[in-house]
Amino acid sequence: MQKLCTKCNFIGKGKHGLFSGNIYFGILEIIVAVIIVVTGERLLQSYAYAAVVAAIVAIAGIINIIDSFSDGRLCSNCGKDKLIPLDSLQADEIIKKNNLSVPEDIES
């Protein structure tokens, strides 16, 4: 879905930050979770603690992997987290106020 940046009036898709929505970082978190489970008793002196820590890290990794398939939340132009859906009322007001042109392939 195309979005409008309220800061710089950019129209387009958002991008992800360094860690948010990064599939490689998500995979790394899953690998770390497996390592924690395998070596957990040596690292944390208790397998129960290791399992809890590994579960938290694995969940974060899964969320990052899933998030990597969605649109980003940062503006591709200015990098700010000020994107709103292009079909919202606020976007319509900004488009009219600033006399912005929306490309036709985006409108549909």
C-alpha atoms as a PDB file:
ATOM      1  CA  MET A   1       0.000   0.000   0.000  1.00  0.00           C
ATOM      2  CA  GLN A   2       1.276   3.415  -0.931  1.00  0.00           C
ATOM      3  CA  LYS A   3       1.677   5.962   1.829  1.00  0.00           C
ATOM      4  CA  LEU A   4       2.213   9.684   2.235  1.00  0.00           C
ATOM      5  CA  CYS A   5       4.851  11.184   4.495  1.00  0.00           C
ATOM      6  CA  THR A   6       3.427  14.059   6.507  1.00  0.00           C
ATOM      7  CA  LYS A   7       6.927  15.470   7.007  1.00  0.00           C
ATOM      8  CA  CYS A   8       8.269  15.691   3.438  1.00  0.00           C
ATOM      9  CA  ASN A   9       5.142  14.865   1.342  1.00  0.00           C
ATOM     10  CA  PHE A  10       6.796  11.814  -0.224  1.00  0.00           C
ATOM     11  CA  ILE A  11       4.344   9.401  -1.840  1.00  0.00           C
ATOM     12  CA  GLY A  12       5.437   5.783  -2.047  1.00  0.00           C
ATOM     13  CA  LYS A  13       6.225   2.707  -0.033  1.00  0.00           C
ATOM     14  CA  GLY A  14       7.887   2.852   3.337  1.00  0.00           C
ATOM     15  CA  LYS A  15      11.129   1.206   4.305  1.00  0.00           C
ATOM     16  CA  HIS A  16      12.261  -0.731   7.335  1.00  0.00           C
ATOM     17  CA  GLY A  17      14.846   0.368   9.853  1.00  0.00           C
ATOM     18  CA  LEU A  18      18.054  -1.504  10.550  1.00  0.00           C
ATOM     19  CA  PHE A  19      16.590  -4.098  12.905  1.00  0.00           C
ATOM     20  CA  SER A  20      12.856  -3.784  12.309  1.00  0.00           C
ATOM     21  CA  GLY A  21      11.649  -6.010   9.515  1.00  0.00           C
ATOM     22  CA  ASN A  22      15.121  -7.250   8.643  1.00  0.00           C
ATOM     23  CA  ILE A  23      14.779 -10.887   7.629  1.00  0.00           C
ATOM     24  CA  TYR A  24      18.481 -11.560   8.170  1.00  0.00           C
ATOM     25  CA  PHE A  25      18.353 -10.174  11.692  1.00  0.00           C
ATOM     26  CA  GLY A  26      15.299 -12.357  12.344  1.00  0.00           C
ATOM     27  CA  ILE A  27      17.142 -15.447  11.137  1.00  0.00           C
ATOM     28  CA  LEU A  28      20.109 -14.502  13.311  1.00  0.00           C
ATOM     29  CA  GLU A  29      17.807 -14.249  16.330  1.00  0.00           C
ATOM     30  CA  ILE A  30      16.433 -17.727  15.631  1.00  0.00           C
ATOM     31  CA  ILE A  31      19.988 -19.106  15.389  1.00  0.00           C
ATOM     32  CA  VAL A  32      20.924 -17.417  18.670  1.00  0.00           C
ATOM     33  CA  ALA A  33      17.832 -18.923  20.299  1.00  0.00           C
ATOM     34  CA  VAL A  34      18.879 -22.397  19.169  1.00  0.00           C
ATOM     35  CA  ILE A  35      22.406 -21.834  20.483  1.00  0.00           C
ATOM     36  CA  ILE A  36      20.997 -20.683  23.818  1.00  0.00           C
ATOM     37  CA  VAL A  37      18.872 -23.819  24.083  1.00  0.00           C
ATOM     38  CA  VAL A  38      21.770 -26.108  23.152  1.00  0.00           C
ATOM     39  CA  THR A  39      24.308 -24.499  25.485  1.00  0.00           C
ATOM     40  CA  GLY A  40      21.845 -23.027  27.951  1.00  0.00           C
ATOM     41  CA  GLU A  41      22.727 -25.001  31.017  1.00  0.00           C
ATOM     42  CA  ARG A  42      26.371 -24.015  30.737  1.00  0.00           C
ATOM     43  CA  LEU A  43      25.596 -20.357  30.027  1.00  0.00           C
ATOM     44  CA  LEU A  44      22.738 -19.635  32.400  1.00  0.00           C
ATOM     45  CA  GLN A  45      23.246 -22.369  35.032  1.00  0.00           C
ATOM     46  CA  SER A  46      19.689 -23.550  34.470  1.00  0.00           C
ATOM     47  CA  TYR A  47      17.940 -25.064  31.505  1.00  0.00           C
ATOM     48  CA  ALA A  48      14.666 -23.388  32.516  1.00  0.00           C
ATOM     49  CA  TYR A  49      16.233 -19.921  32.322  1.00  0.00           C
ATOM     50  CA  ALA A  50      17.830 -20.807  29.007  1.00  0.00           C
ATOM     51  CA  ALA A  51      14.504 -21.990  27.613  1.00  0.00           C
ATOM     52  CA  VAL A  52      12.765 -18.770  28.656  1.00  0.00           C
ATOM     53  CA  VAL A  53      15.500 -16.542  27.214  1.00  0.00           C
ATOM     54  CA  ALA A  54      15.604 -18.600  24.021  1.00  0.00           C
ATOM     55  CA  ALA A  55      11.827 -18.385  23.659  1.00  0.00           C
ATOM     56  CA  ILE A  56      11.921 -14.596  23.983  1.00  0.00           C
ATOM     57  CA  VAL A  57      14.711 -14.301  21.418  1.00  0.00           C
ATOM     58  CA  ALA A  58      12.978 -16.737  19.053  1.00  0.00           C
ATOM     59  CA  ILE A  59       9.687 -14.842  19.275  1.00  0.00           C
ATOM     60  CA  ALA A  60      11.496 -11.600  18.454  1.00  0.00           C
ATOM     61  CA  GLY A  61      13.105 -13.329  15.478  1.00  0.00           C
ATOM     62  CA  ILE A  62       9.800 -14.667  14.211  1.00  0.00           C
ATOM     63  CA  ILE A  63       8.242 -11.215  14.519  1.00  0.00           C
ATOM     64  CA  ASN A  64      11.135  -9.704  12.531  1.00  0.00           C
ATOM     65  CA  ILE A  65      10.799 -12.319   9.808  1.00  0.00           C
ATOM     66  CA  ILE A  66       7.043 -11.778   9.513  1.00  0.00           C
ATOM     67  CA  ASP A  67       7.501  -7.996   9.591  1.00  0.00           C
ATOM     68  CA  SER A  68      10.001  -8.175   6.736  1.00  0.00           C
ATOM     69  CA  PHE A  69       7.170  -9.120   4.368  1.00  0.00           C
ATOM     70  CA  SER A  70       5.096  -6.044   5.235  1.00  0.00           C
ATOM     71  CA  ASP A  71       5.538  -2.445   4.160  1.00  0.00           C
ATOM     72  CA  GLY A  72       8.012  -0.440   6.150  1.00  0.00           C
ATOM     73  CA  ARG A  73       7.046   2.276   8.572  1.00  0.00           C
ATOM     74  CA  LEU A  74       9.800   4.753   7.716  1.00  0.00           C
ATOM     75  CA  CYS A  75       9.689   7.274   4.891  1.00  0.00           C
ATOM     76  CA  SER A  76      12.003   6.269   2.046  1.00  0.00           C
ATOM     77  CA  ASN A  77      12.845   9.917   1.436  1.00  0.00           C
ATOM     78  CA  CYS A  78      13.418  11.507   4.855  1.00  0.00           C
ATOM     79  CA  GLY A  79      13.589   8.433   7.115  1.00  0.00           C
ATOM     80  CA  LYS A  80      10.971   9.717   9.575  1.00  0.00           C
ATOM     81  CA  ASP A  81       8.149   7.617  10.999  1.00  0.00           C
ATOM     82  CA  LYS A  82       5.451   9.916   9.633  1.00  0.00           C
ATOM     83  CA  LEU A  83       3.724   7.761   7.000  1.00  0.00           C
ATOM     84  CA  ILE A  84      -0.041   7.678   6.667  1.00  0.00           C
ATOM     85  CA  PRO A  85      -2.172   5.649   4.235  1.00  0.00           C
ATOM     86  CA  LEU A  86      -2.668   7.427   0.937  1.00  0.00           C
ATOM     87  CA  ASP A  87      -6.414   6.822   1.029  1.00  0.00           C
ATOM     88  CA  SER A  88      -6.943   8.466   4.432  1.00  0.00           C
ATOM     89  CA  LEU A  89      -8.730  11.767   5.008  1.00  0.00           C
ATOM     90  CA  GLN A  90      -5.574  13.367   6.383  1.00  0.00           C
ATOM     91  CA  ALA A  91      -3.675  12.375   3.234  1.00  0.00           C
ATOM     92  CA  ASP A  92      -6.421  13.872   1.058  1.00  0.00           C
ATOM     93  CA  GLU A  93      -6.154  17.141   2.970  1.00  0.00           C
ATOM     94  CA  ILE A  94      -2.358  17.243   2.616  1.00  0.00           C
ATOM     95  CA  ILE A  95      -2.551  16.417  -1.102  1.00  0.00           C
ATOM     96  CA  LYS A  96      -5.073  19.205  -1.716  1.00  0.00           C
ATOM     97  CA  LYS A  97      -3.305  21.705   0.549  1.00  0.00           C
ATOM     98  CA  ASN A  98       0.116  21.193  -1.053  1.00  0.00           C
ATOM     99  CA  ASN A  99      -1.240  20.615  -4.572  1.00  0.00           C
ATOM    100  CA  LEU A 100       0.529  17.263  -4.835  1.00  0.00           C
ATOM    101  CA  SER A 101       0.067  15.013  -7.809  1.00  0.00           C
ATOM    102  CA  VAL A 102      -0.531  11.345  -7.168  1.00  0.00           C
ATOM    103  CA  PRO A 103       0.780   9.061  -9.916  1.00  0.00           C
ATOM    104  CA  GLU A 104      -2.055   7.225 -11.659  1.00  0.00           C
ATOM    105  CA  ASP A 105      -0.625   3.772 -11.023  1.00  0.00           C
ATOM    106  CA  ILE A 106      -0.772   4.529  -7.291  1.00  0.00           C
ATOM    107  CA  GLU A 107      -4.352   5.804  -7.268  1.00  0.00           C
ATOM    108  CA  SER A 108      -5.947   2.485  -8.167  1.00  0.00           C
END
